[in-house]
PDB file of N, CA and C in Angstrom:
ATOM      1  N   UNK A   1     -11.186  -0.452  -1.534  1.00  0.00           N
ATOM      2  CA  UNK A   1     -11.078   1.099  -0.980  1.00  0.00           C
ATOM      3  C   UNK A   1     -10.067   1.696  -1.508  1.00  0.00           C
ATOM      4  N   UNK A   2      -8.939   1.261  -1.994  1.00  0.00           N
ATOM      5  CA  UNK A   2      -7.946   1.958  -2.825  1.00  0.00           C
ATOM      6  C   UNK A   2      -8.287   2.632  -3.667  1.00  0.00           C
ATOM      7  N   UNK A   3      -8.837   2.582  -4.460  1.00  0.00           N
ATOM      8  CA  UNK A   3      -9.503   2.862  -5.998  1.00  0.00           C
ATOM      9  C   UNK A   3     -10.286   4.031  -5.843  1.00  0.00           C
ATOM     10  N   UNK A   4     -11.026   4.030  -4.546  1.00  0.00           N
ATOM     11  CA  UNK A   4     -12.235   4.963  -4.474  1.00  0.00           C
ATOM     12  C   UNK A   4     -11.340   6.096  -3.479  1.00  0.00           C
ATOM     13  N   UNK A   5     -10.370   5.615  -3.069  1.00  0.00           N
ATOM     14  CA  UNK A   5      -9.559   6.791  -2.321  1.00  0.00           C
ATOM     15  C   UNK A   5      -8.767   7.668  -3.366  1.00  0.00           C
ATOM     16  N   UNK A   6      -8.803   6.828  -4.560  1.00  0.00           N
ATOM     17  CA  UNK A   6      -7.959   7.486  -5.554  1.00  0.00           C
ATOM     18  C   UNK A   6      -8.940   8.410  -6.252  1.00  0.00           C
ATOM     19  N   UNK A   7      -9.828   8.127  -6.514  1.00  0.00           N
ATOM     20  CA  UNK A   7     -10.854   9.073  -7.402  1.00  0.00           C
ATOM     21  C   UNK A   7     -11.494  10.171  -6.210  1.00  0.00           C
ATOM     22  N   UNK A   8     -11.080   9.856  -5.079  1.00  0.00           N
ATOM     23  CA  UNK A   8     -11.915  10.713  -4.224  1.00  0.00           C
ATOM     24  C   UNK A   8     -10.672  12.173  -4.083  1.00  0.00           C
ATOM     25  N   UNK A   9      -9.248  11.694  -3.931  1.00  0.00           N
ATOM     26  CA  UNK A   9      -8.140  12.816  -4.069  1.00  0.00           C
ATOM     27  C   UNK A   9      -7.766  13.138  -5.208  1.00  0.00           C
ATOM     28  N   UNK A  10      -8.515  12.506  -6.221  1.00  0.00           N
ATOM     29  CA  UNK A  10      -7.671  12.369  -7.955  1.00  0.00           C
ATOM     30  C   UNK A  10      -6.279  12.497  -7.930  1.00  0.00           C
ATOM     31  N   UNK A  11      -5.835  11.105  -7.316  1.00  0.00           N
ATOM     32  CA  UNK A  11      -4.753  10.428  -7.325  1.00  0.00           C
ATOM     33  C   UNK A  11      -4.419   8.865  -7.897  1.00  0.00           C
ATOM     34  N   UNK A  12      -3.227   8.767  -8.750  1.00  0.00           N
ATOM     35  CA  UNK A  12      -2.820   7.433  -9.114  1.00  0.00           C
ATOM     36  C   UNK A  12      -2.757   6.489  -8.233  1.00  0.00           C
ATOM     37  N   UNK A  13      -3.576   5.242  -8.373  1.00  0.00           N
ATOM     38  CA  UNK A  13      -3.089   4.511  -6.985  1.00  0.00           C
ATOM     39  C   UNK A  13      -3.132   3.069  -7.795  1.00  0.00           C
ATOM     40  N   UNK A  14      -1.537   2.766  -7.535  1.00  0.00           N
ATOM     41  CA  UNK A  14      -1.318   0.990  -8.085  1.00  0.00           C
ATOM     42  C   UNK A  14      -1.800   0.516  -6.910  1.00  0.00           C
ATOM     43  N   UNK A  15      -2.165  -0.808  -7.387  1.00  0.00           N
ATOM     44  CA  UNK A  15      -2.870  -2.334  -6.681  1.00  0.00           C
ATOM     45  C   UNK A  15      -2.104  -3.062  -7.408  1.00  0.00           C
ATOM     46  N   UNK A  16      -0.978  -4.103  -6.258  1.00  0.00           N
ATOM     47  CA  UNK A  16      -0.340  -5.032  -6.764  1.00  0.00           C
ATOM     48  C   UNK A  16      -0.920  -6.301  -5.854  1.00  0.00           C
ATOM     49  N   UNK A  17      -1.860  -7.063  -6.587  1.00  0.00           N
ATOM     50  CA  UNK A  17      -2.018  -8.440  -5.779  1.00  0.00           C
ATOM     51  C   UNK A  17      -1.374  -9.110  -6.666  1.00  0.00           C
ATOM     52  N   UNK A  18      -0.741 -10.275  -5.850  1.00  0.00           N
ATOM     53  CA  UNK A  18      -0.513 -11.134  -6.439  1.00  0.00           C
ATOM     54  C   UNK A  18      -0.687 -12.709  -4.990  1.00  0.00           C
ATOM     55  N   UNK A  19      -0.386 -13.951  -5.429  1.00  0.00           N
ATOM     56  CA  UNK A  19      -0.506 -15.001  -4.349  1.00  0.00           C
ATOM     57  C   UNK A  19      -0.096 -14.538  -3.272  1.00  0.00           C
ATOM     58  N   UNK A  20      -0.130 -15.286  -1.904  1.00  0.00           N
ATOM     59  CA  UNK A  20       0.356 -15.016  -0.744  1.00  0.00           C
ATOM     60  C   UNK A  20       1.791 -15.158  -0.913  1.00  0.00           C
ATOM     61  N   UNK A  21       1.786 -16.709  -1.617  1.00  0.00           N
ATOM     62  CA  UNK A  21       3.165 -17.873  -1.570  1.00  0.00           C
ATOM     63  C   UNK A  21       4.072 -16.814  -2.258  1.00  0.00           C
ATOM     64  N   UNK A  22       3.599 -15.987  -3.359  1.00  0.00           N
ATOM     65  CA  UNK A  22       4.616 -15.002  -3.985  1.00  0.00           C
ATOM     66  C   UNK A  22       5.234 -14.160  -3.423  1.00  0.00           C
ATOM     67  N   UNK A  23       4.679 -13.508  -2.430  1.00  0.00           N
ATOM     68  CA  UNK A  23       5.018 -12.288  -1.596  1.00  0.00           C
ATOM     69  C   UNK A  23       6.149 -12.989  -0.613  1.00  0.00           C
ATOM     70  N   UNK A  24       6.180 -14.199  -0.168  1.00  0.00           N
ATOM     71  CA  UNK A  24       7.155 -14.735   0.737  1.00  0.00           C
ATOM     72  C   UNK A  24       8.693 -15.227  -0.331  1.00  0.00           C
ATOM     73  N   UNK A  25       8.676 -14.911  -1.265  1.00  0.00           N
ATOM     74  CA  UNK A  25       9.839 -15.904  -2.057  1.00  0.00           C
ATOM     75  C   UNK A  25      11.006 -14.876  -1.862  1.00  0.00           C
ATOM     76  N   UNK A  26      12.258 -15.650  -2.151  1.00  0.00           N
ATOM     77  CA  UNK A  26      13.523 -14.515  -1.969  1.00  0.00           C
ATOM     78  C   UNK A  26      13.334 -13.562  -3.151  1.00  0.00           C
ATOM     79  N   UNK A  27      13.205 -13.654  -4.545  1.00  0.00           N
ATOM     80  CA  UNK A  27      12.985 -12.847  -5.589  1.00  0.00           C
ATOM     81  C   UNK A  27      12.302 -11.683  -4.882  1.00  0.00           C
ATOM     82  N   UNK A  28      11.319 -11.750  -4.726  1.00  0.00           N
ATOM     83  CA  UNK A  28      10.162 -10.659  -3.976  1.00  0.00           C
ATOM     84  C   UNK A  28      10.975  -9.972  -2.592  1.00  0.00           C
ATOM     85  N   UNK A  29      11.563 -10.865  -1.831  1.00  0.00           N
ATOM     86  CA  UNK A  29      12.236 -10.067  -0.960  1.00  0.00           C
ATOM     87  C   UNK A  29      13.730  -9.211  -1.308  1.00  0.00           C
ATOM     88  N   UNK A  30      14.218  -9.399  -2.357  1.00  0.00           N
ATOM     89  CA  UNK A  30      15.323  -8.927  -3.067  1.00  0.00           C
ATOM     90  C   UNK A  30      15.008  -7.551  -3.679  1.00  0.00           C
ATOM     91  N   UNK A  31      13.406  -7.188  -3.962  1.00  0.00           N
ATOM     92  CA  UNK A  31      12.728  -6.267  -4.857  1.00  0.00           C
ATOM     93  C   UNK A  31      13.061  -4.940  -3.325  1.00  0.00           C
ATOM     94  N   UNK A  32      13.243  -5.591  -2.311  1.00  0.00           N
ATOM     95  CA  UNK A  32      13.058  -3.923  -1.078  1.00  0.00           C
ATOM     96  C   UNK A  32      12.122  -3.990  -0.998  1.00  0.00           C
ATOM     97  N   UNK A  33      10.558  -4.224  -1.171  1.00  0.00           N
ATOM     98  CA  UNK A  33       9.643  -3.955  -0.943  1.00  0.00           C
ATOM     99  C   UNK A  33       9.037  -4.170   0.426  1.00  0.00           C
ATOM    100  N   UNK A  34       8.059  -3.551   0.923  1.00  0.00           N
ATOM    101  CA  UNK A  34       7.566  -4.140   2.378  1.00  0.00           C
ATOM    102  C   UNK A  34       6.733  -5.538   2.250  1.00  0.00           C
ATOM    103  N   UNK A  35       7.009  -6.224   3.197  1.00  0.00           N
ATOM    104  CA  UNK A  35       6.190  -7.682   3.355  1.00  0.00           C
ATOM    105  C   UNK A  35       4.782  -7.352   3.421  1.00  0.00           C
ATOM    106  N   UNK A  36       3.904  -8.302   2.616  1.00  0.00           N
ATOM    107  CA  UNK A  36       2.525  -7.656   2.367  1.00  0.00           C
ATOM    108  C   UNK A  36       1.425  -8.273   3.064  1.00  0.00           C
ATOM    109  N   UNK A  37       0.194  -7.764   3.669  1.00  0.00           N
ATOM    110  CA  UNK A  37      -0.017  -6.593   3.027  1.00  0.00           C
ATOM    111  C   UNK A  37       0.528  -5.466   3.445  1.00  0.00           C
ATOM    112  N   UNK A  38       0.540  -4.481   2.530  1.00  0.00           N
ATOM    113  CA  UNK A  38       1.296  -3.363   2.896  1.00  0.00           C
ATOM    114  C   UNK A  38       0.670  -2.085   1.903  1.00  0.00           C
ATOM    115  N   UNK A  39       0.842  -0.945   2.593  1.00  0.00           N
ATOM    116  CA  UNK A  39       0.346   0.421   1.990  1.00  0.00           C
ATOM    117  C   UNK A  39       1.496   1.188   1.828  1.00  0.00           C
ATOM    118  N   UNK A  40       2.116   1.923   0.768  1.00  0.00           N
ATOM    119  CA  UNK A  40       2.969   2.849   0.673  1.00  0.00           C
ATOM    120  C   UNK A  40       2.173   4.076  -0.055  1.00  0.00           C
ATOM    121  N   UNK A  41       2.795   5.247   0.691  1.00  0.00           N
ATOM    122  CA  UNK A  41       2.778   6.525  -0.266  1.00  0.00           C
ATOM    123  C   UNK A  41       4.187   7.000  -0.493  1.00  0.00           C
ATOM    124  N   UNK A  42       4.575   7.052  -1.798  1.00  0.00           N
ATOM    125  CA  UNK A  42       5.631   7.461  -2.236  1.00  0.00           C
ATOM    126  C   UNK A  42       6.605   6.879  -1.695  1.00  0.00           C
ATOM    127  N   UNK A  43       7.767   6.955  -0.932  1.00  0.00           N
ATOM    128  CA  UNK A  43       8.623   5.889  -0.579  1.00  0.00           C
ATOM    129  C   UNK A  43       8.273   5.542   1.367  1.00  0.00           C
ATOM    130  N   UNK A  44       6.981   6.101   1.527  1.00  0.00           N
ATOM    131  CA  UNK A  44       7.034   5.597   3.036  1.00  0.00           C
ATOM    132  C   UNK A  44       5.694   4.421   3.095  1.00  0.00           C
ATOM    133  N   UNK A  45       6.381   3.838   4.098  1.00  0.00           N
ATOM    134  CA  UNK A  45       5.466   2.573   4.282  1.00  0.00           C
ATOM    135  C   UNK A  45       4.378   2.826   5.394  1.00  0.00           C
ATOM    136  N   UNK A  46       3.499   2.970   5.367  1.00  0.00           N
ATOM    137  CA  UNK A  46       2.362   3.420   6.106  1.00  0.00           C
ATOM    138  C   UNK A  46       2.137   1.784   6.721  1.00  0.00           C
ATOM    139  N   UNK A  47       1.850   1.044   6.239  1.00  0.00           N
ATOM    140  CA  UNK A  47       1.418  -0.454   6.902  1.00  0.00           C
ATOM    141  C   UNK A  47       1.930  -1.429   6.599  1.00  0.00           C
ATOM    142  N   UNK A  48       2.735  -2.042   7.440  1.00  0.00           N
ATOM    143  CA  UNK A  48       3.199  -3.547   6.829  1.00  0.00           C
ATOM    144  C   UNK A  48       3.000  -4.796   7.783  1.00  0.00           C
ATOM    145  N   UNK A  49       2.477  -5.973   6.764  1.00  0.00           N
ATOM    146  CA  UNK A  49       1.870  -7.119   7.233  1.00  0.00           C
ATOM    147  C   UNK A  49       0.455  -6.612   8.427  1.00  0.00           C
ATOM    148  N   UNK A  50      -0.166  -5.839   8.067  1.00  0.00           N
ATOM    149  CA  UNK A  50      -1.001  -5.443   8.794  1.00  0.00           C
ATOM    150  C   UNK A  50      -2.185  -4.638   8.169  1.00  0.00           C
ATOM    151  N   UNK A  51      -3.422  -4.560   8.579  1.00  0.00           N
ATOM    152  CA  UNK A  51      -4.336  -3.776   7.926  1.00  0.00           C
ATOM    153  C   UNK A  51      -4.634  -2.580   8.712  1.00  0.00           C
ATOM    154  N   UNK A  52      -5.154  -1.405   7.809  1.00  0.00           N
ATOM    155  CA  UNK A  52      -5.212  -0.157   8.454  1.00  0.00           C
ATOM    156  C   UNK A  52      -6.655   0.230   8.135  1.00  0.00           C
ATOM    157  N   UNK A  53      -7.243   1.198   9.127  1.00  0.00           N
ATOM    158  CA  UNK A  53      -8.572   1.707   8.869  1.00  0.00           C
ATOM    159  C   UNK A  53      -8.714   2.702   7.759  1.00  0.00           C
ATOM    160  N   UNK A  54      -9.833   3.199   7.238  1.00  0.00           N
ATOM    161  CA  UNK A  54      -9.829   4.055   5.851  1.00  0.00           C
ATOM    162  C   UNK A  54      -9.706   5.101   6.535  1.00  0.00           C
ATOM    163  N   UNK A  55      -9.966   5.665   7.256  1.00  0.00           N
ATOM    164  CA  UNK A  55      -9.615   6.793   8.563  1.00  0.00           C
ATOM    165  C   UNK A  55      -8.171   7.100   8.279  1.00  0.00           C
ATOM    166  N   UNK A  56      -7.655   6.307   8.564  1.00  0.00           N
ATOM    167  CA  UNK A  56      -6.094   6.136   9.070  1.00  0.00           C
ATOM    168  C   UNK A  56      -5.539   6.760   7.666  1.00  0.00           C
ATOM    169  N   UNK A  57      -5.743   5.613   6.805  1.00  0.00           N
ATOM    170  CA  UNK A  57      -5.444   6.105   5.240  1.00  0.00           C
ATOM    171  C   UNK A  57      -5.984   7.496   4.456  1.00  0.00           C
ATOM    172  N   UNK A  58      -6.873   7.744   5.110  1.00  0.00           N
ATOM    173  CA  UNK A  58      -7.321   8.901   4.237  1.00  0.00           C
ATOM    174  C   UNK A  58      -6.745  10.009   4.843  1.00  0.00           C
ATOM    175  N   UNK A  59      -6.301   9.818   6.787  1.00  0.00           N
ATOM    176  CA  UNK A  59      -5.688  11.071   7.237  1.00  0.00           C
ATOM    177  C   UNK A  59      -4.230  10.787   6.325  1.00  0.00           C
ATOM    178  N   UNK A  60      -3.826   9.818   6.207  1.00  0.00           N
ATOM    179  CA  UNK A  60      -2.417  10.150   5.551  1.00  0.00           C
ATOM    180  C   UNK A  60      -2.237  10.154   4.093  1.00  0.00           C
ATOM    181  N   UNK A  61      -3.047  10.116   3.033  1.00  0.00           N
ATOM    182  CA  UNK A  61      -3.059  10.868   2.124  1.00  0.00           C
ATOM    183  C   UNK A  61      -3.135  12.427   2.112  1.00  0.00           C
ATOM    184  N   UNK A  62      -4.085  12.590   3.124  1.00  0.00           N
ATOM    185  CA  UNK A  62      -4.388  14.140   3.329  1.00  0.00           C
ATOM    186  C   UNK A  62      -2.937  15.039   3.736  1.00  0.00           C
ATOM    187  N   UNK A  63      -2.290  14.293   4.382  1.00  0.00           N
ATOM    188  CA  UNK A  63      -0.713  14.882   5.098  1.00  0.00           C
ATOM    189  C   UNK A  63      -0.157  14.795   4.025  1.00  0.00           C
ATOM    190  N   UNK A  64      -0.168  14.025   2.529  1.00  0.00           N
ATOM    191  CA  UNK A  64       0.928  14.252   1.491  1.00  0.00           C
ATOM    192  C   UNK A  64       0.644  14.784   0.403  1.00  0.00           C
ATOM    193  N   UNK A  65      -0.595  15.545   0.528  1.00  0.00           N
ATOM    194  CA  UNK A  65      -1.217  16.561  -0.853  1.00  0.00           C
ATOM    195  C   UNK A  65      -0.865  17.883  -0.459  1.00  0.00           C
TER     196      UNK A  65
END
């Protein structure tokens, strides 16, 4: 879903994927990033530890443009 939205809006999308166990480590928690799965746009955390519909994500991206 994410790469397709990047192409649709002409924006750079960075996908970080690691084993689920790695997100539960202390070094990860010290990074100050949201709990996975998560979606951030800039510094705004759109969703954390949950899924989001493509329509809601699409709307959030449009608000940022």
